[in-house]
Amino acid sequence: MNQIDFKQWLKKAKKSPQDILAVDLDPSGVRCVRLKKSGNEIHLLAMDILPPVDLTSVAPRAGTEKVMDIPKPLLARYVALCLTGEDAVVKLLTLPGQADNNLEAQIKDHMGIDEGDFRFGYQNVTAPGHVKSETKVLTVAIPDNLAHMACHLFPIGIPAPLSVELSGLSAINAFIQGPGQTVKNETVGVIEMGARVTFVAFFTRGELSLIRKFDFGQYAILDVIQKNLGVDQETARDIVADGSFDISGLVKDVSEPFVKQLVISKHFVERRENSHISQIFVPGGLGVSHDWLNEIKAAVSLDVDFWNPFDAVKLPAEGLPKQFEGQQSRFAAALGAALGNLISDESAM
């Protein structure tokens, strides 16, 4: 039974997971969180960053050997996997009529890719009360070989793979379940900057109105710092975090194409939705370049607000582990993936 079938079986059997591990396969390190649902609350049980995994080196295991060694505090029955998504296809489709049994066929026609090479997923994001003559669907296609390699990280036993998702979309889901609940009457933007891919989403009165994926991420900034200052990647990260060198010019040059497209997207949403965007959110943390944020603020002439991905969950009494203080944004994707599997309503992407 493949992973999508297994998840559908759980829903039909009304056996939604209550305890789940989410694993974000970021190239800088595997970000992990374990969440547990108790009544109407979702609690953080454990979190960690494990050594990076090269998916291209993962192959099906003939025996019971596992590729990843998960520390005991993180172990749950199920695992949600997040991929960076450089080769994924993401579209927000507006289809005529209401959702019906022919929806999947329509989606595959509009995606314009070969089904055998990709694993498809979609979420009906049509807001309640939206015009009934159309259906708005967020669609995703992940290369099938990558999805299989990710699942091969856990070939047998627990945790069992439950879903394969895109890190950027999962992080945006963490925003929806957290700060997004407080701005449902506004038009806002969310930017999730990953290692090599950045997602930008706009919401109008709680409904997804635009989403874009860019081949630009943190590594683009780190690469230009390494090249121009003659330092290694770890030193480049430190420079971004502590501002020990003036890198504003370098960041401006490398981020200019992205910033221009962000401005175009902002204007497009405001015209189409006849609504003024009130603010743009980005996850805060030590890894976020303040020079990059300044470029965004200057271009869009809006407040760019930090948000904490852990706002949607209950923390242990002792709070976050000290070694991860200031690094909350690194766990946004893992949190969003876990939340999406624990929350069954349509608000989860």
Protein backbone atom coordinates (compact mmCIF):
# COMPACT_ATOMS: atom_id res chain seq x y z
CA MET A 1 0.00 0.00 0.00
CA ASN A 2 1.59 3.30 -1.01
CA GLN A 3 1.81 6.30 1.33
CA ILE A 4 -1.14 8.22 -0.13
CA ASP A 5 -3.40 5.16 0.12
CA PHE A 6 -2.29 4.58 3.72
CA LYS A 7 -3.19 8.12 4.72
CA GLN A 8 -6.59 7.84 3.06
CA TRP A 9 -7.16 4.53 4.85
CA LEU A 10 -6.48 6.21 8.18
CA LYS A 11 -9.03 8.90 7.42
CA LYS A 12 -11.71 6.40 6.39
CA ALA A 13 -11.03 4.34 9.48
CA LYS A 14 -11.24 7.54 11.57
CA LYS A 15 -7.88 6.73 13.10
CA SER A 16 -6.18 10.10 12.74
CA PRO A 17 -2.71 10.05 14.29
CA GLN A 18 -2.44 11.59 17.74
CA ASP A 19 1.35 11.41 18.04
CA ILE A 20 3.57 12.20 15.06
CA LEU A 21 7.18 12.86 14.16
CA ALA A 22 7.86 15.35 11.35
CA VAL A 23 11.20 15.33 9.55
CA ASP A 24 12.35 18.24 7.38
CA LEU A 25 15.15 16.98 5.12
CA ASP A 26 16.95 20.30 4.87
CA PRO A 27 20.45 20.07 3.32
CA SER A 28 21.99 21.86 6.32
CA GLY A 29 20.57 19.36 8.81
CA VAL A 30 17.46 17.25 9.37
CA ARG A 31 15.03 19.29 11.49
CA CYS A 32 12.75 17.10 13.61
CA VAL A 33 9.78 17.76 15.87
CA ARG A 34 7.46 15.37 17.65
CA LEU A 35 3.96 16.62 18.45
CA LYS A 36 1.11 14.98 20.33
CA LYS A 37 -2.56 15.93 20.23
CA SER A 38 -4.40 15.93 23.55
CA GLY A 39 -7.99 17.12 23.33
CA ASN A 40 -7.97 20.48 21.55
CA GLU A 41 -4.32 21.15 22.33
CA ILE A 42 -1.18 20.08 20.50
CA HIS A 43 1.94 19.64 22.60
CA LEU A 44 5.60 19.70 21.64
CA LEU A 45 7.21 16.53 23.00
CA ALA A 46 10.69 16.73 21.48
CA MET A 47 12.79 18.49 18.84
CA ASP A 48 16.26 18.08 17.40
CA ILE A 49 18.48 18.70 14.39
CA LEU A 50 20.17 15.58 13.04
CA PRO A 51 23.01 15.26 10.49
CA PRO A 52 21.98 15.96 6.87
CA VAL A 53 20.92 13.12 4.60
CA ASP A 54 21.72 12.88 0.89
CA LEU A 55 18.55 11.44 -0.62
CA THR A 56 20.29 10.61 -3.88
CA SER A 57 22.36 8.00 -2.02
CA VAL A 58 19.32 6.31 -0.46
CA ALA A 59 18.26 3.02 -2.02
CA PRO A 60 15.64 0.42 -1.08
CA ARG A 61 16.89 -1.78 1.76
CA ALA A 62 16.81 -5.52 1.27
CA GLY A 63 16.67 -6.18 5.01
CA THR A 64 15.55 -4.23 8.05
CA GLU A 65 18.38 -1.70 8.11
CA LYS A 66 17.28 1.89 8.64
CA VAL A 67 19.09 4.81 7.09
CA MET A 68 18.24 7.26 9.88
CA ASP A 69 18.85 6.70 13.56
CA ILE A 70 16.05 8.55 15.35
CA PRO A 71 16.69 9.39 19.03
CA LYS A 72 14.20 7.74 21.36
CA PRO A 73 12.48 10.99 22.52
CA LEU A 74 11.50 11.67 18.89
CA LEU A 75 10.07 8.24 18.13
CA ALA A 76 6.38 8.17 17.20
CA ARG A 77 4.25 5.69 15.26
CA TYR A 78 4.11 7.88 12.15
CA VAL A 79 6.44 10.27 10.36
CA ALA A 80 5.66 13.15 7.99
CA LEU A 81 8.51 13.86 5.57
CA CYS A 82 9.37 17.27 4.10
CA LEU A 83 11.40 17.75 0.91
CA THR A 84 13.02 20.99 -0.27
CA GLY A 85 11.18 20.83 -3.58
CA GLU A 86 13.58 22.25 -6.16
CA ASP A 87 12.09 19.98 -8.85
CA ALA A 88 8.50 20.08 -7.60
CA VAL A 89 5.65 21.79 -9.44
CA VAL A 90 3.21 23.94 -7.42
CA LYS A 91 0.12 25.62 -8.86
CA LEU A 92 -2.99 27.31 -7.54
CA LEU A 93 -5.74 26.26 -9.95
CA THR A 94 -9.17 27.82 -10.33
CA LEU A 95 -11.42 25.20 -11.91
CA PRO A 96 -14.97 25.74 -13.17
CA GLY A 97 -17.82 24.35 -11.09
CA GLN A 98 -17.81 22.69 -7.71
CA ALA A 99 -15.48 19.89 -6.69
CA ASP A 100 -16.69 16.49 -7.92
CA ASN A 101 -15.39 13.03 -8.69
CA ASN A 102 -13.69 14.37 -11.83
CA LEU A 103 -11.49 16.79 -9.87
CA GLU A 104 -8.34 14.66 -9.95
CA ALA A 105 -8.52 14.24 -13.72
CA GLN A 106 -8.92 18.00 -14.18
CA ILE A 107 -5.94 18.69 -11.95
CA LYS A 108 -3.64 16.32 -13.83
CA ASP A 109 -4.66 17.90 -17.14
CA HIS A 110 -3.86 21.40 -15.86
CA MET A 111 -0.51 20.44 -14.29
CA GLY A 112 0.93 19.62 -17.70
CA ILE A 113 3.37 16.94 -16.54
CA ASP A 114 3.68 13.18 -16.98
CA GLU A 115 1.83 11.37 -14.20
CA GLY A 116 4.24 8.45 -14.04
CA ASP A 117 7.18 10.69 -13.15
CA PHE A 118 5.45 12.58 -10.34
CA ARG A 119 3.43 11.99 -7.21
CA PHE A 120 0.41 14.32 -7.11
CA GLY A 121 -1.32 15.91 -4.16
CA TYR A 122 -3.94 18.61 -3.85
CA GLN A 123 -5.97 20.55 -1.32
CA ASN A 124 -9.29 22.28 -1.95
CA VAL A 125 -8.65 25.79 -0.60
CA THR A 126 -11.96 27.33 -1.65
CA ALA A 127 -13.14 29.48 1.24
CA PRO A 128 -16.65 29.00 2.67
CA GLY A 129 -19.05 31.35 0.93
CA HIS A 130 -16.81 31.61 -2.12
CA VAL A 131 -18.56 31.79 -5.49
CA LYS A 132 -19.99 28.33 -6.16
CA SER A 133 -19.25 28.43 -9.87
CA GLU A 134 -15.57 27.66 -9.30
CA THR A 135 -13.23 25.59 -7.15
CA LYS A 136 -9.81 26.78 -6.03
CA VAL A 137 -7.26 23.98 -5.59
CA LEU A 138 -3.65 24.07 -4.42
CA THR A 139 -1.83 21.37 -6.38
CA VAL A 140 1.60 19.84 -5.91
CA ALA A 141 3.61 17.38 -7.98
CA ILE A 142 6.75 15.88 -6.41
CA PRO A 143 9.17 13.76 -8.48
CA ASP A 144 8.19 10.19 -7.71
CA ASN A 145 11.76 8.99 -7.31
CA LEU A 146 12.39 11.57 -4.56
CA ALA A 147 9.21 10.61 -2.74
CA HIS A 148 10.25 6.94 -2.83
CA MET A 149 13.77 7.72 -1.63
CA ALA A 150 12.37 9.74 1.27
CA CYS A 151 10.11 6.84 2.30
CA HIS A 152 13.05 4.44 2.06
CA LEU A 153 14.58 6.29 5.01
CA PHE A 154 12.04 4.36 7.11
CA PRO A 155 11.64 1.02 5.32
CA ILE A 156 10.22 -1.01 8.21
CA GLY A 157 8.83 -0.65 11.71
CA ILE A 158 8.21 2.70 13.37
CA PRO A 159 7.92 5.45 12.52
CA ALA A 160 5.91 4.57 9.41
CA PRO A 161 5.85 7.18 6.60
CA LEU A 162 2.48 8.93 6.55
CA SER A 163 3.00 11.79 4.10
CA VAL A 164 5.59 13.36 1.80
CA GLU A 165 5.32 17.14 1.59
CA LEU A 166 7.16 20.27 0.49
CA SER A 167 9.03 22.12 3.22
CA GLY A 168 7.93 25.57 2.05
CA LEU A 169 4.24 24.69 1.96
CA SER A 170 4.46 22.97 5.33
CA ALA A 171 6.05 26.08 6.85
CA ILE A 172 3.22 28.21 5.48
CA ASN A 173 0.80 25.77 7.06
CA ALA A 174 2.47 26.44 10.42
CA PHE A 175 1.74 30.14 9.85
CA ILE A 176 -1.91 29.39 9.05
CA GLN A 177 -2.34 27.44 12.27
CA GLY A 178 -0.53 30.09 14.32
CA PRO A 179 -0.47 33.84 13.56
CA GLY A 180 -2.66 33.32 10.50
CA GLN A 181 -5.61 32.78 12.82
CA THR A 182 -5.35 36.42 13.98
CA VAL A 183 -5.37 38.07 10.52
CA LYS A 184 -8.27 36.27 8.84
CA ASN A 185 -10.00 39.57 8.03
CA GLU A 186 -6.94 41.07 6.33
CA THR A 187 -4.90 40.55 3.18
CA VAL A 188 -1.40 39.43 4.15
CA GLY A 189 1.68 37.88 2.62
CA VAL A 190 3.92 35.08 3.92
CA ILE A 191 7.48 34.42 2.78
CA GLU A 192 9.22 31.15 3.56
CA MET A 193 12.89 31.19 2.58
CA GLY A 194 14.37 27.72 2.41
CA ALA A 195 17.86 26.56 1.55
CA ARG A 196 17.40 26.69 -2.22
CA VAL A 197 13.69 27.47 -2.71
CA THR A 198 11.53 30.34 -1.48
CA PHE A 199 7.73 30.29 -1.36
CA VAL A 200 5.57 33.41 -1.31
CA ALA A 201 1.87 33.16 -0.45
CA PHE A 202 -0.85 35.80 -0.15
CA PHE A 203 -4.08 35.33 1.77
CA THR A 204 -7.20 37.46 1.41
CA ARG A 205 -9.63 37.15 4.31
CA GLY A 206 -8.22 33.73 5.14
CA GLU A 207 -8.32 32.39 1.56
CA LEU A 208 -5.20 31.61 -0.43
CA SER A 209 -5.15 34.08 -3.32
CA LEU A 210 -1.67 33.52 -4.79
CA ILE A 211 1.31 31.24 -4.26
CA ARG A 212 4.65 31.32 -6.07
CA LYS A 213 7.79 29.22 -5.88
CA PHE A 214 11.22 30.75 -6.59
CA ASP A 215 14.56 29.08 -7.25
CA PHE A 216 16.20 31.38 -4.73
CA GLY A 217 17.04 30.66 -1.11
CA GLN A 218 19.47 31.06 1.76
CA TYR A 219 22.23 29.24 -0.11
CA ALA A 220 22.19 31.93 -2.82
CA ILE A 221 23.09 34.52 -0.18
CA LEU A 222 25.66 32.26 1.50
CA ASP A 223 27.28 31.42 -1.85
CA VAL A 224 27.81 35.05 -2.80
CA ILE A 225 29.28 35.81 0.65
CA GLN A 226 31.65 32.84 0.37
CA LYS A 227 32.77 33.85 -3.10
CA ASN A 228 33.32 37.54 -2.37
CA LEU A 229 34.79 37.29 1.13
CA GLY A 230 36.72 34.06 0.64
CA VAL A 231 35.18 32.25 3.62
CA ASP A 232 33.59 28.85 4.16
CA GLN A 233 29.85 28.28 4.51
CA GLU A 234 29.83 28.13 8.30
CA THR A 235 31.63 31.49 8.50
CA ALA A 236 29.17 32.92 5.97
CA ARG A 237 26.31 31.80 8.24
CA ASP A 238 27.96 33.56 11.18
CA ILE A 239 28.32 36.75 9.15
CA VAL A 240 24.61 36.68 8.29
CA ALA A 241 23.72 36.10 11.94
CA ASP A 242 25.99 38.64 13.65
CA GLY A 243 26.43 41.31 10.97
CA SER A 244 30.20 41.36 11.47
CA PHE A 245 30.71 42.49 7.85
CA ASP A 246 28.76 44.88 5.66
CA ILE A 247 27.16 42.53 3.14
CA SER A 248 24.22 44.78 2.22
CA GLY A 249 25.50 45.37 -1.32
CA LEU A 250 26.02 41.65 -1.96
CA VAL A 251 22.59 40.77 -0.61
CA LYS A 252 20.94 43.52 -2.65
CA ASP A 253 22.46 42.27 -5.91
CA VAL A 254 21.68 38.58 -5.40
CA SER A 255 18.13 39.13 -4.14
CA GLU A 256 17.08 41.81 -6.62
CA PRO A 257 15.33 39.46 -9.13
CA PHE A 258 13.32 37.87 -6.30
CA VAL A 259 12.39 41.23 -4.76
CA LYS A 260 11.17 42.53 -8.13
CA GLN A 261 8.91 39.51 -8.56
CA LEU A 262 7.63 39.93 -4.99
CA VAL A 263 6.57 43.50 -5.79
CA ILE A 264 4.83 42.33 -8.99
CA SER A 265 2.99 39.65 -7.01
CA LYS A 266 1.91 42.17 -4.35
CA HIS A 267 0.45 44.55 -6.93
CA PHE A 268 -1.27 41.69 -8.75
CA VAL A 269 -3.02 40.50 -5.60
CA GLU A 270 -4.09 43.99 -4.58
CA ARG A 271 -5.60 44.68 -8.00
CA ARG A 272 -7.35 41.34 -8.38
CA GLU A 273 -8.67 41.16 -4.82
CA ASN A 274 -9.36 44.90 -4.60
CA SER A 275 -7.70 44.82 -1.20
CA HIS A 276 -4.67 46.48 0.37
CA ILE A 277 -2.02 44.12 1.75
CA SER A 278 -1.58 45.10 5.39
CA GLN A 279 1.64 43.24 6.26
CA ILE A 280 4.07 40.53 5.23
CA PHE A 281 5.27 37.80 7.58
CA VAL A 282 8.58 35.94 7.65
CA PRO A 283 9.82 33.42 10.24
CA GLY A 284 12.25 35.12 12.61
CA GLY A 285 15.55 33.71 13.79
CA LEU A 286 19.31 33.90 13.65
CA GLY A 287 19.50 32.49 10.13
CA VAL A 288 17.45 35.28 8.55
CA SER A 289 19.48 37.95 6.76
CA HIS A 290 18.49 41.38 8.04
CA ASP A 291 19.89 42.93 4.85
CA TRP A 292 17.51 40.73 2.84
CA LEU A 293 14.61 41.82 5.06
CA ASN A 294 15.58 45.46 4.59
CA GLU A 295 15.47 45.00 0.81
CA ILE A 296 11.94 43.58 1.09
CA LYS A 297 10.74 46.35 3.40
CA ALA A 298 12.07 49.06 1.09
CA ALA A 299 10.54 47.45 -2.00
CA VAL A 300 7.02 46.75 -0.68
CA SER A 301 6.74 49.73 1.73
CA LEU A 302 5.08 47.49 4.32
CA ASP A 303 5.76 46.17 7.78
CA VAL A 304 7.61 42.88 7.59
CA ASP A 305 6.78 41.05 10.78
CA PHE A 306 8.51 38.08 12.36
CA TRP A 307 6.36 35.17 13.42
CA ASN A 308 7.15 32.26 15.68
CA PRO A 309 6.33 28.81 14.21
CA PHE A 310 5.86 27.47 17.75
CA ASP A 311 2.89 29.80 18.38
CA ALA A 312 0.51 27.01 17.31
CA VAL A 313 1.66 24.46 19.90
CA LYS A 314 1.98 24.11 23.65
CA LEU A 315 5.59 24.09 24.80
CA PRO A 316 6.98 22.04 27.68
CA ALA A 317 7.12 23.81 31.05
CA GLU A 318 10.87 24.30 30.62
CA GLY A 319 10.39 25.86 27.18
CA LEU A 320 12.54 25.15 24.11
CA PRO A 321 15.93 23.47 24.54
CA LYS A 322 18.57 26.17 25.07
CA GLN A 323 20.63 25.08 22.08
CA PHE A 324 17.72 25.99 19.76
CA GLU A 325 16.88 29.40 21.21
CA GLY A 326 16.75 31.93 18.39
CA GLN A 327 16.45 29.14 15.80
CA GLN A 328 12.66 28.72 15.85
CA SER A 329 12.34 29.46 12.14
CA ARG A 330 14.44 26.39 11.27
CA PHE A 331 11.62 24.16 12.53
CA ALA A 332 8.74 25.86 10.68
CA ALA A 333 8.42 23.17 7.99
CA ALA A 334 8.54 20.23 10.40
CA LEU A 335 5.97 21.91 12.67
CA GLY A 336 3.65 22.64 9.74
CA ALA A 337 3.85 19.06 8.45
CA ALA A 338 3.04 17.62 11.86
CA LEU A 339 0.20 20.08 12.41
CA GLY A 340 -1.26 19.29 9.00
CA ASN A 341 -1.54 15.63 9.91
CA LEU A 342 -2.88 16.24 13.42
CA ILE A 343 -5.48 18.85 12.43
CA SER A 344 -8.18 17.29 10.29
CA ASP A 345 -10.15 20.38 9.24
CA GLU A 346 -9.82 22.13 5.87
CA SER A 347 -7.65 24.93 7.28
CA ALA A 348 -4.57 22.72 7.04
CA MET A 349 -2.77 22.85 3.69
